[in-house]
């Protein structure tokens, strides 16, 4: 049994979110460039932003991994070679790859960059892990379909230096290891090329062939059913089990999530991991705190996925596809002025006199009152109704760069 402290690996869909992830506890971030990752709808990173983000993370002793995990077609290979040539100069800490051909190009073009094998490669047994290791992989991401027991067996049958990365929090996929064809079938947008439209979250009816236009609910009600809609994975109450199974990196899903979501999840898992390694009794004593904080993120109810048994109907949500949202994201501190007021980009409307909350990196939350709002020209405003507007806000307490502002609903 290994008892190494796992890396906390957090997603970042933009430079701002990467900086937030680092501040709130990530050991490493995984990001996507403008091509060849599986989140085409995410904002993603251009070359200059990627360079800045990697340098920023390295200045704090943290790492950045870049996704290049599409299922590549012939037409993609030339572009991939050019992309890896650019990445060679930018120097990420690893490339996340699923395609053997793409891996061979990476080994040829930038052999000094580590290769991590994506969950998209369906990594479910130790023979597969050893295969990738024999080709030079430093790390393999386990498929979400594995149990804790199976991961422990993999650890016992692979070299000690081969790392295991495992998803412990975030959205689950209805398809095996994320290899979904529904999006391509319904909309022509290929999930395996990064353009998934998430049809697993849609409402479905059935229609009998001889009665076109007559839609029948799958269950006995008139609302249809979300037959593919899974609950979200959450292992915050089970931190010791993946550690004991030999997992080296705890991966959070969500490259399309907001800075608030990333900060909330990163901070909560950071504290849970640190508390457990300081003293398991401290971890148990703080369980209510972790559960309360993790529920402040948007989520679709929680499940432990495949870790302890095969998911049944209790792991699905059949009556809706909406998130549970207890807090609304108002903004992030982008600058602090000499008078103590802060610059925000408005994410949701709020007003002078309102009470809100600052989420701080030291794992505390500070209740705030909005004293004043001004636009970029210094004009006072009673409220800020315009999304993405730059505003200056005075609160009744001092704040710091990258503090998150939210409001309890």
Foldseek 3Di string as FASTA:
>chain_A
DFQDQAFEEFEALFLLLLVLLLLQAHQEYEFEDCFQAQANVGNTDYLVSLLVSQVVQVVVPHFYEYENAFPDDPVCVVVLLVVLLSCLVSDGQEYEYAYPVSVVSNCVRRVVHAYEYALLNAAQALVVLQVVVVVPHQEYEHWLQDALVSLLVSCVRHDLRYAYEYEQWWADFLDGSQQDDPQCVPPVAGSSRNRRPPLLQDFDFDDDPVGPPDTHAPDPDDQGWSVRAFWIGHCLVPVVSNSVSRHRYHYYDDNRDDSVLSSLVNNLSSVLSVQCVVPVVSNVVCSVVSVVSNLQHWTRDYDNRNHPHHDDPVRGDIRHNGTDHFKAFAFWFADADPVQWGKTFGAAKDFQQDWWWWQHSVRDIHIKGWHWKAFPVRHTDGMDHDGRGIIITDIPDHDDGGTTIMHGD
